[in-house]
Protein backbone atom coordinates (compact mmCIF):
# COMPACT_ATOMS: atom_id res chain seq x y z
CA UNK A 1 12.04 3.63 12.75
CA UNK A 2 8.91 1.84 13.97
CA UNK A 3 6.51 0.57 11.33
CA UNK A 4 2.98 1.48 12.42
CA UNK A 5 1.28 0.49 9.18
CA UNK A 6 -1.86 -1.64 9.44
CA UNK A 7 -1.38 -2.93 5.87
CA UNK A 8 1.80 -4.20 4.25
CA UNK A 9 2.91 -2.03 1.33
CA UNK A 10 3.68 -3.84 -1.92
CA UNK A 11 6.35 -2.67 -4.39
CA UNK A 12 4.93 -1.38 -7.67
CA UNK A 13 6.21 -2.75 -10.95
CA UNK A 14 6.14 -1.70 -13.69
CA UNK A 15 6.75 1.99 -13.09
CA UNK A 16 3.72 4.26 -12.48
CA UNK A 17 4.11 8.05 -12.66
CA UNK A 18 2.55 10.37 -10.10
CA UNK A 19 1.18 13.76 -11.10
CA UNK A 20 0.43 16.63 -8.71
CA UNK A 21 -3.01 17.78 -9.88
CA UNK A 22 -2.54 21.24 -8.33
CA UNK A 23 0.50 21.97 -10.54
CA UNK A 24 -0.09 19.48 -13.38
CA UNK A 25 3.56 18.41 -12.95
CA UNK A 26 4.92 14.89 -12.74
CA UNK A 27 6.52 14.78 -9.30
CA UNK A 28 7.73 11.20 -9.13
CA UNK A 29 7.02 7.54 -9.50
CA UNK A 30 5.10 5.21 -7.25
CA UNK A 31 7.30 2.81 -5.27
CA UNK A 32 4.69 1.07 -3.13
CA UNK A 33 1.08 1.40 -2.07
CA UNK A 34 -1.71 0.18 0.19
CA UNK A 35 -5.25 1.43 0.66
CA UNK A 36 -3.87 3.55 3.55
CA UNK A 37 -0.69 5.04 2.15
CA UNK A 38 1.99 5.18 -0.50
CA UNK A 39 5.62 5.99 -1.03
CA UNK A 40 7.05 7.73 -4.05
CA UNK A 41 10.48 8.53 -5.44
CA UNK A 42 10.92 12.10 -6.66
CA UNK A 43 13.70 14.28 -8.05
CA UNK A 44 12.40 17.25 -6.05
CA UNK A 45 12.02 17.55 -2.27
CA UNK A 46 8.39 17.19 -1.18
CA UNK A 47 6.99 19.65 1.32
CA UNK A 48 5.96 17.90 4.53
CA UNK A 49 2.60 18.07 6.25
CA UNK A 50 1.02 19.27 3.01
CA UNK A 51 -2.06 17.90 1.33
CA UNK A 52 -1.57 16.75 -2.26
CA UNK A 53 -4.04 15.72 -4.96
CA UNK A 54 -2.47 12.98 -7.06
CA UNK A 55 -3.20 11.28 -10.30
CA UNK A 56 -1.36 7.99 -10.74
CA UNK A 57 -1.04 6.60 -14.25
CA UNK A 58 -1.65 2.87 -14.02
CA UNK A 59 0.64 0.61 -16.04
CA UNK A 60 -2.46 -1.17 -17.41
CA UNK A 61 -6.19 -0.50 -17.06
CA UNK A 62 -7.99 -1.94 -14.04
CA UNK A 63 -11.78 -2.32 -14.32
CA UNK A 64 -11.66 0.10 -17.28
CA UNK A 65 -9.68 2.76 -15.41
CA UNK A 66 -6.21 3.88 -16.51
CA UNK A 67 -5.65 6.47 -13.77
CA UNK A 68 -6.10 6.55 -10.03
CA UNK A 69 -6.95 9.81 -8.21
CA UNK A 70 -6.55 10.42 -4.50
CA UNK A 71 -5.69 12.96 -1.83
CA UNK A 72 -2.70 12.33 0.43
CA UNK A 73 -0.86 14.01 3.29
CA UNK A 74 2.99 14.01 3.13
CA UNK A 75 4.32 12.54 6.40
CA UNK A 76 8.06 12.11 5.94
CA UNK A 77 10.77 12.57 3.30
CA UNK A 78 14.40 11.42 3.11
CA UNK A 79 17.07 12.10 0.49
CA UNK A 80 18.77 9.15 -1.13
CA UNK A 81 22.54 8.84 -0.90
CA UNK A 82 22.95 10.87 -4.12
CA UNK A 83 20.99 13.87 -2.69
CA UNK A 84 19.24 14.11 -6.08
CA UNK A 85 16.30 11.84 -5.32
CA UNK A 86 13.91 11.66 -2.39
CA UNK A 87 11.75 8.96 -0.78
CA UNK A 88 8.51 10.40 0.55
CA UNK A 89 5.75 8.67 2.53
CA UNK A 90 2.10 9.71 2.35
CA UNK A 91 -1.09 8.83 4.16
CA UNK A 92 -4.11 8.56 1.86
CA UNK A 93 -6.83 10.80 3.30
CA UNK A 94 -9.29 11.22 0.40
CA UNK A 95 -10.18 8.44 -2.00
CA UNK A 96 -13.32 7.16 -3.70
CA UNK A 97 -14.54 3.60 -3.09
CA UNK A 98 -13.81 2.81 -6.79
CA UNK A 99 -10.23 4.00 -6.47
CA UNK A 100 -9.84 2.10 -3.20
CA UNK A 101 -10.90 -1.07 -5.07
CA UNK A 102 -8.33 -0.32 -7.77
CA UNK A 103 -5.59 -0.06 -5.15
CA UNK A 104 -6.73 -3.32 -3.55
CA UNK A 105 -6.58 -4.96 -7.00
CA UNK A 106 -3.04 -3.59 -7.48
CA UNK A 107 -1.96 -4.89 -4.08
CA UNK A 108 -3.48 -8.31 -4.66
CA UNK A 109 -1.68 -8.60 -8.02
CA UNK A 110 1.75 -7.50 -6.73
């Protein structure tokens, strides 16, 4: 698979949970992120080519913020070898300047 990313994604540690704001359900955990996109690990398959509104619980506050909110489009999804977990890639399509700065802070610190 060709990597067409303009920014290198950085792995996220410690774990950060991702909530689907349309269902108020935790759908997975953040694996890596850039200001352009993210990848998450979920226990449910993610519908492709769907727009999601996410809230990401930060492991520690950044500039006084403990959550990050953004809109993202699901681009691809693959099951892991156990068929119980799924990797899913998203393109960030809606984000405030403040949340973009938080992501950049996260990336710089990883």
